[in-house]
Amino acid sequence: MSQKIKVEKNSVQETLVLPLFGKAWAVRNYPDIFKDHDVQQIMDQVDYDFSTMEEAASGIKGKIGSLAAATRQAALVWEVKDYLKDHPNALVVNLGCGLDTAGHQADNGTCRFVNIDFPDVIETREKLLPSTEREKNIASDLNDFTWFDKIGFRAEDGVVFFASGVFLYFKKEDVKKLFCAMAERFPGGRIAFDGQNQKGKDVDLKALKASGIDISTNFALDKPEEELKRWSDRFDRVQWKKMSTGYIKPDRRFGILYRIMAPIADKTGMSQLDVIDFKK
C-alpha cells in the first residue's frame, strides 16, 4: 500500500490505534515474549503521530498499559488455539475487532475468520486489512443479532468467538442477552473475553475518562464463574482464568511494579480472562 490511512487526533478512529500501539511497543521491546507478526505492518500503514504515545510508554503507567494490551492478546490467542486443536476448520470470530489481528496469530491454515465492528470501523479496517477468501469483515452492531446469519457458521466445523477490550463499553443486561442468544444459535462454540470486577471496571473507566473518553456502563463480574453459570442452561462450562499471569509469566524486565500488580489484579478479579463453552 503506497498511500497511508489518515487517523486524526481526537477522532473515533483514534481509539483504534491506542491498543495497536501498546501491542507494537511490547513486540518491539520484548520480541522473545510477544509474537504479533502483523501489528507493526499495520502501524506503518497508518498516518498518525505516535510521538505522544511513545513518550507515555517511557513512563510507568504507559509501560504497564502496553504490557496489559499485549498480555491480553496473548491470552485470547491461546484460547483460540486451544479450541482449534479439536476444531481445525472452525470459524474464528473477532467481536468488536477494531484493527486487532489476534485471530491471525492463532491461524492454523485451515480455519476461517470473521471480524465484526461498527460500519465506520470496518470501513477503516477494509483499507488496512481487506476481506479475503478466508476472512470477512462485517459491519454490524453486536447487539443487532442479524450478524448471526452473516458469519457463515457451520456446526460441523465449530466456532470460537473472542473479544478484546469490548464489553467494558456494554451494559451488563446487553452482554447477558448477547451471550444467551449466542449459546442458542452456536451450539458447541466457545467465547473468550477479558473482564473485570467492579473495582477493576471503575479503574478502567477512570483511565478512559482521563484520555478523553467518558462512558457510563455497568458490565463487571465480581464472581464470574458463579454469575455467568446462572445466565443460561446452555452454558456447558464457565472458566475464570488469570489473564495477567496465567498465560504470560511476568518477566523481570517488565519492572517490579508490574510484577507486584499483575498477580494481585488476577487474584482479586480486577483482571480476568473469562471463557464460556456452549452446549452442543
C-alpha atoms as a PDB file:
ATOM      1  CA  MET A   1       0.000   0.000   0.000  1.00  0.00           C
ATOM      2  CA  SER A   2       1.539   3.323  -1.079  1.00  0.00           C
ATOM      3  CA  GLN A   3      -0.977   5.715   0.466  1.00  0.00           C
ATOM      4  CA  LYS A   4      -1.299   5.736   4.229  1.00  0.00           C
ATOM      5  CA  ILE A   5      -4.644   5.875   6.036  1.00  0.00           C
ATOM      6  CA  LYS A   6      -5.034   9.161   7.903  1.00  0.00           C
ATOM      7  CA  VAL A   7      -6.198   8.958  11.516  1.00  0.00           C
ATOM      8  CA  GLU A   8      -6.979  12.323  13.068  1.00  0.00           C
ATOM      9  CA  LYS A   9      -6.327  13.280  16.659  1.00  0.00           C
ATOM     10  CA  ASN A  10      -9.414  13.335  18.918  1.00  0.00           C
ATOM     11  CA  SER A  11     -11.413  11.233  16.455  1.00  0.00           C
ATOM     12  CA  VAL A  12     -13.318   7.970  16.925  1.00  0.00           C
ATOM     13  CA  GLN A  13     -10.708   6.246  14.774  1.00  0.00           C
ATOM     14  CA  GLU A  14      -8.036   7.346  17.262  1.00  0.00           C
ATOM     15  CA  THR A  15      -9.349   4.768  19.743  1.00  0.00           C
ATOM     16  CA  LEU A  16      -8.324   2.093  17.233  1.00  0.00           C
ATOM     17  CA  VAL A  17      -4.637   2.982  17.387  1.00  0.00           C
ATOM     18  CA  LEU A  18      -4.319   3.031  21.188  1.00  0.00           C
ATOM     19  CA  PRO A  19      -4.250  -0.777  21.681  1.00  0.00           C
ATOM     20  CA  LEU A  20      -2.408  -1.104  18.370  1.00  0.00           C
ATOM     21  CA  PHE A  21       0.449   0.989  19.701  1.00  0.00           C
ATOM     22  CA  GLY A  22       0.542  -0.878  23.017  1.00  0.00           C
ATOM     23  CA  LYS A  23       0.941  -4.245  21.321  1.00  0.00           C
ATOM     24  CA  ALA A  24       3.516  -2.912  18.880  1.00  0.00           C
ATOM     25  CA  TRP A  25       5.527  -1.412  21.741  1.00  0.00           C
ATOM     26  CA  ALA A  26       5.542  -4.746  23.589  1.00  0.00           C
ATOM     27  CA  VAL A  27       6.579  -6.682  20.485  1.00  0.00           C
ATOM     28  CA  ARG A  28       9.356  -4.187  19.799  1.00  0.00           C
ATOM     29  CA  ASN A  29      10.713  -4.298  23.356  1.00  0.00           C
ATOM     30  CA  TYR A  30      10.135  -7.977  24.173  1.00  0.00           C
ATOM     31  CA  PRO A  31      10.219  -9.853  20.840  1.00  0.00           C
ATOM     32  CA  ASP A  32      11.132 -13.092  22.609  1.00  0.00           C
ATOM     33  CA  ILE A  33       7.835 -12.973  24.538  1.00  0.00           C
ATOM     34  CA  PHE A  34       5.247 -11.266  22.319  1.00  0.00           C
ATOM     35  CA  LYS A  35       4.939 -12.623  18.778  1.00  0.00           C
ATOM     36  CA  ASP A  36       2.345 -10.490  16.972  1.00  0.00           C
ATOM     37  CA  HIS A  37       3.616 -10.519  13.381  1.00  0.00           C
ATOM     38  CA  ASP A  38       1.028  -8.063  11.985  1.00  0.00           C
ATOM     39  CA  VAL A  39       0.931  -5.111  14.333  1.00  0.00           C
ATOM     40  CA  GLN A  40       3.982  -3.163  13.108  1.00  0.00           C
ATOM     41  CA  GLN A  41       2.940  -3.617   9.491  1.00  0.00           C
ATOM     42  CA  ILE A  42      -0.467  -2.119  10.292  1.00  0.00           C
ATOM     43  CA  MET A  43       1.107   0.797  12.150  1.00  0.00           C
ATOM     44  CA  ASP A  44       3.342   1.502   9.152  1.00  0.00           C
ATOM     45  CA  GLN A  45       0.200   1.944   7.033  1.00  0.00           C
ATOM     46  CA  VAL A  46      -1.357   4.488   9.399  1.00  0.00           C
ATOM     47  CA  ASP A  47      -0.726   8.208   9.083  1.00  0.00           C
ATOM     48  CA  TYR A  48      -0.780   9.200  12.748  1.00  0.00           C
ATOM     49  CA  ASP A  49       1.573  10.968  15.120  1.00  0.00           C
ATOM     50  CA  PHE A  50       2.514   8.327  17.698  1.00  0.00           C
ATOM     51  CA  SER A  51       5.021  10.583  19.485  1.00  0.00           C
ATOM     52  CA  THR A  52       2.711  11.243  22.450  1.00  0.00           C
ATOM     53  CA  MET A  53       2.174   7.528  22.956  1.00  0.00           C
ATOM     54  CA  GLU A  54       5.902   6.874  22.625  1.00  0.00           C
ATOM     55  CA  GLU A  55       6.567   9.443  25.325  1.00  0.00           C
ATOM     56  CA  ALA A  56       3.886   7.958  27.598  1.00  0.00           C
ATOM     57  CA  ALA A  57       5.287   4.443  27.125  1.00  0.00           C
ATOM     58  CA  SER A  58       8.580   5.613  28.590  1.00  0.00           C
ATOM     59  CA  GLY A  59       6.779   6.128  31.899  1.00  0.00           C
ATOM     60  CA  ILE A  60       5.470   3.520  34.317  1.00  0.00           C
ATOM     61  CA  LYS A  61       1.768   3.926  33.503  1.00  0.00           C
ATOM     62  CA  GLY A  62       2.350   3.808  29.765  1.00  0.00           C
ATOM     63  CA  LYS A  63       4.571   0.754  30.045  1.00  0.00           C
ATOM     64  CA  ILE A  64       2.022  -1.106  32.171  1.00  0.00           C
ATOM     65  CA  GLY A  65      -0.764  -0.194  29.749  1.00  0.00           C
ATOM     66  CA  SER A  66       1.212  -1.510  26.773  1.00  0.00           C
ATOM     67  CA  LEU A  67       2.084  -4.725  28.580  1.00  0.00           C
ATOM     68  CA  ALA A  68      -1.559  -5.197  29.555  1.00  0.00           C
ATOM     69  CA  ALA A  69      -2.686  -4.855  25.918  1.00  0.00           C
ATOM     70  CA  ALA A  70      -0.103  -7.360  24.696  1.00  0.00           C
ATOM     71  CA  THR A  71      -0.752  -9.811  27.533  1.00  0.00           C
ATOM     72  CA  ARG A  72      -4.499  -9.685  26.884  1.00  0.00           C
ATOM     73  CA  GLN A  73      -3.940 -10.542  23.237  1.00  0.00           C
ATOM     74  CA  ALA A  74      -1.629 -13.433  24.150  1.00  0.00           C
ATOM     75  CA  ALA A  75      -4.304 -14.862  26.448  1.00  0.00           C
ATOM     76  CA  LEU A  76      -7.002 -14.691  23.779  1.00  0.00           C
ATOM     77  CA  VAL A  77      -4.713 -16.204  21.147  1.00  0.00           C
ATOM     78  CA  TRP A  78      -4.010 -19.127  23.473  1.00  0.00           C
ATOM     79  CA  GLU A  79      -7.743 -19.756  23.939  1.00  0.00           C
ATOM     80  CA  VAL A  80      -8.402 -19.657  20.200  1.00  0.00           C
ATOM     81  CA  LYS A  81      -5.530 -22.062  19.531  1.00  0.00           C
ATOM     82  CA  ASP A  82      -6.831 -24.381  22.240  1.00  0.00           C
ATOM     83  CA  TYR A  83     -10.238 -24.567  20.558  1.00  0.00           C
ATOM     84  CA  LEU A  84      -8.673 -25.107  17.129  1.00  0.00           C
ATOM     85  CA  LYS A  85      -6.846 -28.201  18.385  1.00  0.00           C
ATOM     86  CA  ASP A  86     -10.147 -30.097  18.346  1.00  0.00           C
ATOM     87  CA  HIS A  87     -11.856 -27.974  15.657  1.00  0.00           C
ATOM     88  CA  PRO A  88      -9.211 -27.259  12.990  1.00  0.00           C
ATOM     89  CA  ASN A  89     -11.747 -25.959  10.453  1.00  0.00           C
ATOM     90  CA  ALA A  90     -13.555 -23.723  12.945  1.00  0.00           C
ATOM     91  CA  LEU A  91     -14.755 -20.196  12.350  1.00  0.00           C
ATOM     92  CA  VAL A  92     -12.762 -17.660  14.409  1.00  0.00           C
ATOM     93  CA  VAL A  93     -14.850 -14.561  15.147  1.00  0.00           C
ATOM     94  CA  ASN A  94     -13.356 -11.328  16.480  1.00  0.00           C
ATOM     95  CA  LEU A  95     -16.131  -9.353  18.213  1.00  0.00           C
ATOM     96  CA  GLY A  96     -15.583  -5.588  18.235  1.00  0.00           C
ATOM     97  CA  CYS A  97     -12.438  -6.191  16.199  1.00  0.00           C
ATOM     98  CA  GLY A  98     -11.098  -2.682  15.666  1.00  0.00           C
ATOM     99  CA  LEU A  99      -7.709  -3.190  13.998  1.00  0.00           C
ATOM    100  CA  ASP A 100      -6.936  -6.241  16.116  1.00  0.00           C
ATOM    101  CA  THR A 101      -5.364  -9.281  14.433  1.00  0.00           C
ATOM    102  CA  ALA A 102      -5.264 -11.736  17.335  1.00  0.00           C
ATOM    103  CA  GLY A 103      -7.043 -14.287  15.165  1.00  0.00           C
ATOM    104  CA  HIS A 104      -4.149 -14.213  12.691  1.00  0.00           C
ATOM    105  CA  GLN A 105      -1.729 -15.147  15.465  1.00  0.00           C
ATOM    106  CA  ALA A 106      -3.730 -18.341  16.015  1.00  0.00           C
ATOM    107  CA  ASP A 107      -4.051 -19.226  12.318  1.00  0.00           C
ATOM    108  CA  ASN A 108      -3.613 -22.959  11.664  1.00  0.00           C
ATOM    109  CA  GLY A 109      -4.007 -22.655   7.908  1.00  0.00           C
ATOM    110  CA  THR A 110      -7.472 -24.231   7.726  1.00  0.00           C
ATOM    111  CA  CYS A 111      -9.716 -22.122   9.964  1.00  0.00           C
ATOM    112  CA  ARG A 112     -11.780 -19.187   8.700  1.00  0.00           C
ATOM    113  CA  PHE A 113     -12.006 -15.663  10.135  1.00  0.00           C
ATOM    114  CA  VAL A 114     -14.745 -13.092  10.638  1.00  0.00           C
ATOM    115  CA  ASN A 115     -14.262  -9.613  12.123  1.00  0.00           C
ATOM    116  CA  ILE A 116     -17.269  -7.613  13.342  1.00  0.00           C
ATOM    117  CA  ASP A 117     -17.474  -3.947  14.304  1.00  0.00           C
ATOM    118  CA  PHE A 118     -19.386  -0.739  13.595  1.00  0.00           C
ATOM    119  CA  PRO A 119     -19.558   0.425   9.950  1.00  0.00           C
ATOM    120  CA  ASP A 120     -17.047   3.282  10.339  1.00  0.00           C
ATOM    121  CA  VAL A 121     -14.535   0.914  11.958  1.00  0.00           C
ATOM    122  CA  ILE A 122     -14.973  -1.723   9.265  1.00  0.00           C
ATOM    123  CA  GLU A 123     -14.543   0.949   6.605  1.00  0.00           C
ATOM    124  CA  THR A 124     -11.129   1.777   8.072  1.00  0.00           C
ATOM    125  CA  ARG A 125     -10.257  -1.883   8.577  1.00  0.00           C
ATOM    126  CA  GLU A 126     -11.081  -2.727   4.962  1.00  0.00           C
ATOM    127  CA  LYS A 127      -8.498  -0.191   3.819  1.00  0.00           C
ATOM    128  CA  LEU A 128      -5.808  -1.696   6.043  1.00  0.00           C
ATOM    129  CA  LEU A 129      -6.910  -5.329   6.357  1.00  0.00           C
ATOM    130  CA  PRO A 130      -9.280  -6.064   3.462  1.00  0.00           C
ATOM    131  CA  SER A 131     -11.514  -9.134   3.344  1.00  0.00           C
ATOM    132  CA  THR A 132     -10.091 -12.221   1.653  1.00  0.00           C
ATOM    133  CA  GLU A 133     -11.307 -15.668   0.698  1.00  0.00           C
ATOM    134  CA  ARG A 134     -10.710 -16.935   4.239  1.00  0.00           C
ATOM    135  CA  GLU A 135     -11.516 -13.728   6.120  1.00  0.00           C
ATOM    136  CA  LYS A 136     -14.590 -11.483   6.133  1.00  0.00           C
ATOM    137  CA  ASN A 137     -15.071  -8.051   7.676  1.00  0.00           C
ATOM    138  CA  ILE A 138     -18.704  -7.485   8.652  1.00  0.00           C
ATOM    139  CA  ALA A 139     -20.194  -4.124   9.642  1.00  0.00           C
ATOM    140  CA  SER A 140     -22.706  -4.566  12.447  1.00  0.00           C
ATOM    141  CA  ASP A 141     -23.664  -3.505  15.939  1.00  0.00           C
ATOM    142  CA  LEU A 142     -23.067  -6.593  18.103  1.00  0.00           C
ATOM    143  CA  ASN A 143     -26.455  -6.004  19.725  1.00  0.00           C
ATOM    144  CA  ASP A 144     -28.132  -6.407  16.335  1.00  0.00           C
ATOM    145  CA  PHE A 145     -28.235 -10.195  16.101  1.00  0.00           C
ATOM    146  CA  THR A 146     -28.682 -10.224  12.337  1.00  0.00           C
ATOM    147  CA  TRP A 147     -24.909 -10.758  12.181  1.00  0.00           C
ATOM    148  CA  PHE A 148     -25.567 -14.316  13.417  1.00  0.00           C
ATOM    149  CA  ASP A 149     -26.746 -15.225   9.916  1.00  0.00           C
ATOM    150  CA  LYS A 150     -23.923 -13.431   8.096  1.00  0.00           C
ATOM    151  CA  ILE A 151     -20.828 -15.092   9.534  1.00  0.00           C
ATOM    152  CA  GLY A 152     -21.102 -18.449   7.756  1.00  0.00           C
ATOM    153  CA  PHE A 153     -21.366 -20.702  10.814  1.00  0.00           C
ATOM    154  CA  ARG A 154     -21.150 -24.446  10.141  1.00  0.00           C
ATOM    155  CA  ALA A 155     -21.997 -26.600  13.150  1.00  0.00           C
ATOM    156  CA  GLU A 156     -19.763 -29.435  11.962  1.00  0.00           C
ATOM    157  CA  ASP A 157     -16.728 -27.114  11.993  1.00  0.00           C
ATOM    158  CA  GLY A 158     -17.364 -25.253  15.245  1.00  0.00           C
ATOM    159  CA  VAL A 159     -16.874 -21.602  16.134  1.00  0.00           C
ATOM    160  CA  VAL A 160     -14.744 -19.722  18.653  1.00  0.00           C
ATOM    161  CA  PHE A 161     -15.528 -16.097  19.478  1.00  0.00           C
ATOM    162  CA  PHE A 162     -13.229 -13.689  21.265  1.00  0.00           C
ATOM    163  CA  ALA A 163     -13.481 -10.066  22.362  1.00  0.00           C
ATOM    164  CA  SER A 164     -10.633  -7.816  23.448  1.00  0.00           C
ATOM    165  CA  GLY A 165     -11.445  -4.699  25.472  1.00  0.00           C
ATOM    166  CA  VAL A 166     -15.009  -4.677  24.165  1.00  0.00           C
ATOM    167  CA  PHE A 167     -17.551  -5.435  26.861  1.00  0.00           C
ATOM    168  CA  LEU A 168     -16.372  -2.678  29.192  1.00  0.00           C
ATOM    169  CA  TYR A 169     -18.441  -0.429  26.903  1.00  0.00           C
ATOM    170  CA  PHE A 170     -21.606  -2.547  27.320  1.00  0.00           C
ATOM    171  CA  LYS A 171     -24.414  -2.676  29.840  1.00  0.00           C
ATOM    172  CA  LYS A 172     -24.484  -5.956  31.717  1.00  0.00           C
ATOM    173  CA  GLU A 173     -28.013  -6.798  30.594  1.00  0.00           C
ATOM    174  CA  ASP A 174     -26.917  -6.422  26.951  1.00  0.00           C
ATOM    175  CA  VAL A 175     -23.948  -8.747  27.436  1.00  0.00           C
ATOM    176  CA  LYS A 176     -26.212 -11.322  29.071  1.00  0.00           C
ATOM    177  CA  LYS A 177     -28.737 -11.098  26.241  1.00  0.00           C
ATOM    178  CA  LEU A 178     -25.964 -11.466  23.654  1.00  0.00           C
ATOM    179  CA  PHE A 179     -24.282 -14.462  25.287  1.00  0.00           C
ATOM    180  CA  CYS A 180     -27.553 -16.299  25.863  1.00  0.00           C
ATOM    181  CA  ALA A 181     -28.584 -15.785  22.231  1.00  0.00           C
ATOM    182  CA  MET A 182     -25.166 -16.964  21.032  1.00  0.00           C
ATOM    183  CA  ALA A 183     -25.375 -20.128  23.145  1.00  0.00           C
ATOM    184  CA  GLU A 184     -28.683 -20.995  21.480  1.00  0.00           C
ATOM    185  CA  ARG A 185     -27.534 -20.186  17.941  1.00  0.00           C
ATOM    186  CA  PHE A 186     -23.986 -21.615  18.044  1.00  0.00           C
ATOM    187  CA  PRO A 187     -24.019 -24.993  19.852  1.00  0.00           C
ATOM    188  CA  GLY A 188     -20.582 -26.348  20.661  1.00  0.00           C
ATOM    189  CA  GLY A 189     -18.992 -22.913  20.318  1.00  0.00           C
ATOM    190  CA  ARG A 190     -16.755 -21.023  22.724  1.00  0.00           C
ATOM    191  CA  ILE A 191     -16.353 -17.383  23.684  1.00  0.00           C
ATOM    192  CA  ALA A 192     -13.291 -15.926  25.416  1.00  0.00           C
ATOM    193  CA  PHE A 193     -13.214 -12.329  26.624  1.00  0.00           C
ATOM    194  CA  ASP A 194     -11.456 -10.076  29.092  1.00  0.00           C
ATOM    195  CA  GLY A 195     -13.415  -8.859  32.082  1.00  0.00           C
ATOM    196  CA  GLN A 196     -13.031  -7.238  35.474  1.00  0.00           C
ATOM    197  CA  ASN A 197     -14.795  -6.885  38.780  1.00  0.00           C
ATOM    198  CA  GLN A 198     -16.451  -3.668  39.927  1.00  0.00           C
ATOM    199  CA  LYS A 199     -13.205  -2.172  41.201  1.00  0.00           C
ATOM    200  CA  GLY A 200     -11.366  -3.042  38.010  1.00  0.00           C
ATOM    201  CA  LYS A 201     -14.169  -1.544  35.933  1.00  0.00           C
ATOM    202  CA  ASP A 202     -14.032   1.714  37.894  1.00  0.00           C
ATOM    203  CA  VAL A 203     -10.259   1.928  37.406  1.00  0.00           C
ATOM    204  CA  ASP A 204     -10.609   1.342  33.649  1.00  0.00           C
ATOM    205  CA  LEU A 205     -13.391   3.904  33.284  1.00  0.00           C
ATOM    206  CA  LYS A 206     -11.314   6.463  35.181  1.00  0.00           C
ATOM    207  CA  ALA A 207      -8.364   5.850  32.843  1.00  0.00           C
ATOM    208  CA  LEU A 208     -10.613   6.187  29.797  1.00  0.00           C
ATOM    209  CA  LYS A 209     -12.054   9.450  31.112  1.00  0.00           C
ATOM    210  CA  ALA A 210      -8.546  10.806  31.636  1.00  0.00           C
ATOM    211  CA  SER A 211      -7.798  10.064  27.972  1.00  0.00           C
ATOM    212  CA  GLY A 212     -10.919  11.929  26.861  1.00  0.00           C
ATOM    213  CA  ILE A 213     -13.366   9.010  26.574  1.00  0.00           C
ATOM    214  CA  ASP A 214     -16.232   9.398  29.054  1.00  0.00           C
ATOM    215  CA  ILE A 215     -18.671   6.466  29.149  1.00  0.00           C
ATOM    216  CA  SER A 216     -21.111   5.095  31.708  1.00  0.00           C
ATOM    217  CA  THR A 217     -21.543   1.319  31.657  1.00  0.00           C
ATOM    218  CA  ASN A 218     -22.090  -1.333  34.289  1.00  0.00           C
ATOM    219  CA  PHE A 219     -20.563  -4.562  32.984  1.00  0.00           C
ATOM    220  CA  ALA A 220     -18.495  -6.071  35.761  1.00  0.00           C
ATOM    221  CA  LEU A 221     -18.259  -9.594  37.174  1.00  0.00           C
ATOM    222  CA  ASP A 222     -17.333  -9.876  40.843  1.00  0.00           C
ATOM    223  CA  LYS A 223     -17.777 -13.677  40.832  1.00  0.00           C
ATOM    224  CA  PRO A 224     -17.637 -14.539  37.129  1.00  0.00           C
ATOM    225  CA  GLU A 225     -17.969 -18.314  37.312  1.00  0.00           C
ATOM    226  CA  GLU A 226     -20.939 -18.207  39.678  1.00  0.00           C
ATOM    227  CA  GLU A 227     -22.712 -15.354  37.925  1.00  0.00           C
ATOM    228  CA  LEU A 228     -22.210 -16.484  34.342  1.00  0.00           C
ATOM    229  CA  LYS A 229     -23.401 -20.015  35.105  1.00  0.00           C
ATOM    230  CA  ARG A 230     -26.727 -18.555  36.226  1.00  0.00           C
ATOM    231  CA  TRP A 231     -27.264 -16.769  32.937  1.00  0.00           C
ATOM    232  CA  SER A 232     -28.136 -19.765  30.771  1.00  0.00           C
ATOM    233  CA  ASP A 233     -28.576 -23.526  30.981  1.00  0.00           C
ATOM    234  CA  ARG A 234     -26.967 -23.608  27.518  1.00  0.00           C
ATOM    235  CA  PHE A 235     -23.562 -22.809  29.045  1.00  0.00           C
ATOM    236  CA  ASP A 236     -21.673 -26.089  29.327  1.00  0.00           C
ATOM    237  CA  ARG A 237     -18.597 -24.780  31.148  1.00  0.00           C
ATOM    238  CA  VAL A 238     -17.558 -21.405  32.540  1.00  0.00           C
ATOM    239  CA  GLN A 239     -13.960 -20.637  33.496  1.00  0.00           C
ATOM    240  CA  TRP A 240     -12.359 -17.622  35.152  1.00  0.00           C
ATOM    241  CA  LYS A 241      -8.666 -17.530  34.329  1.00  0.00           C
ATOM    242  CA  LYS A 242      -5.752 -15.327  35.345  1.00  0.00           C
ATOM    243  CA  MET A 243      -5.281 -13.015  32.400  1.00  0.00           C
ATOM    244  CA  SER A 244      -2.237 -11.081  33.635  1.00  0.00           C
ATOM    245  CA  THR A 245      -0.159 -14.004  34.868  1.00  0.00           C
ATOM    246  CA  GLY A 246      -1.817 -17.209  33.640  1.00  0.00           C
ATOM    247  CA  TYR A 247      -0.622 -17.051  30.044  1.00  0.00           C
ATOM    248  CA  ILE A 248       2.492 -14.865  30.069  1.00  0.00           C
ATOM    249  CA  LYS A 249       4.617 -15.076  33.183  1.00  0.00           C
ATOM    250  CA  PRO A 250       5.635 -11.533  34.205  1.00  0.00           C
ATOM    251  CA  ASP A 251       9.265 -11.143  33.197  1.00  0.00           C
ATOM    252  CA  ARG A 252      11.700  -9.303  35.451  1.00  0.00           C
ATOM    253  CA  ARG A 253      12.220  -6.832  32.593  1.00  0.00           C
ATOM    254  CA  PHE A 254       8.573  -5.728  32.968  1.00  0.00           C
ATOM    255  CA  GLY A 255       9.544  -3.927  36.164  1.00  0.00           C
ATOM    256  CA  ILE A 256       8.864  -4.523  39.837  1.00  0.00           C
ATOM    257  CA  LEU A 257       5.582  -2.586  39.904  1.00  0.00           C
ATOM    258  CA  TYR A 258       4.023  -4.679  37.125  1.00  0.00           C
ATOM    259  CA  ARG A 259       5.247  -7.896  38.749  1.00  0.00           C
ATOM    260  CA  ILE A 260       3.589  -6.854  42.008  1.00  0.00           C
ATOM    261  CA  MET A 261       0.356  -5.566  40.497  1.00  0.00           C
ATOM    262  CA  ALA A 262      -0.339  -8.334  37.967  1.00  0.00           C
ATOM    263  CA  PRO A 263      -0.803 -11.212  40.465  1.00  0.00           C
ATOM    264  CA  ILE A 264      -2.942  -9.000  42.706  1.00  0.00           C
ATOM    265  CA  ALA A 265      -5.155  -7.984  39.780  1.00  0.00           C
ATOM    266  CA  ASP A 266      -5.643 -11.640  38.847  1.00  0.00           C
ATOM    267  CA  LYS A 267      -6.322 -12.827  42.377  1.00  0.00           C
ATOM    268  CA  THR A 268      -8.856 -10.120  43.165  1.00  0.00           C
ATOM    269  CA  GLY A 269     -10.665 -10.305  39.818  1.00  0.00           C
ATOM    270  CA  MET A 270      -9.644  -6.849  38.642  1.00  0.00           C
ATOM    271  CA  SER A 271      -8.090  -8.690  35.694  1.00  0.00           C
ATOM    272  CA  GLN A 272      -9.980 -11.653  34.224  1.00  0.00           C
ATOM    273  CA  LEU A 273      -9.985 -13.861  31.161  1.00  0.00           C
ATOM    274  CA  ASP A 274     -13.421 -15.485  31.116  1.00  0.00           C
ATOM    275  CA  VAL A 275     -14.247 -18.455  28.890  1.00  0.00           C
ATOM    276  CA  ILE A 276     -17.668 -19.949  28.186  1.00  0.00           C
ATOM    277  CA  ASP A 277     -18.233 -23.179  26.279  1.00  0.00           C
ATOM    278  CA  PHE A 278     -21.711 -23.623  24.802  1.00  0.00           C
ATOM    279  CA  LYS A 279     -23.520 -26.950  24.981  1.00  0.00           C
ATOM    280  CA  LYS A 280     -23.730 -28.967  21.782  1.00  0.00           C
END
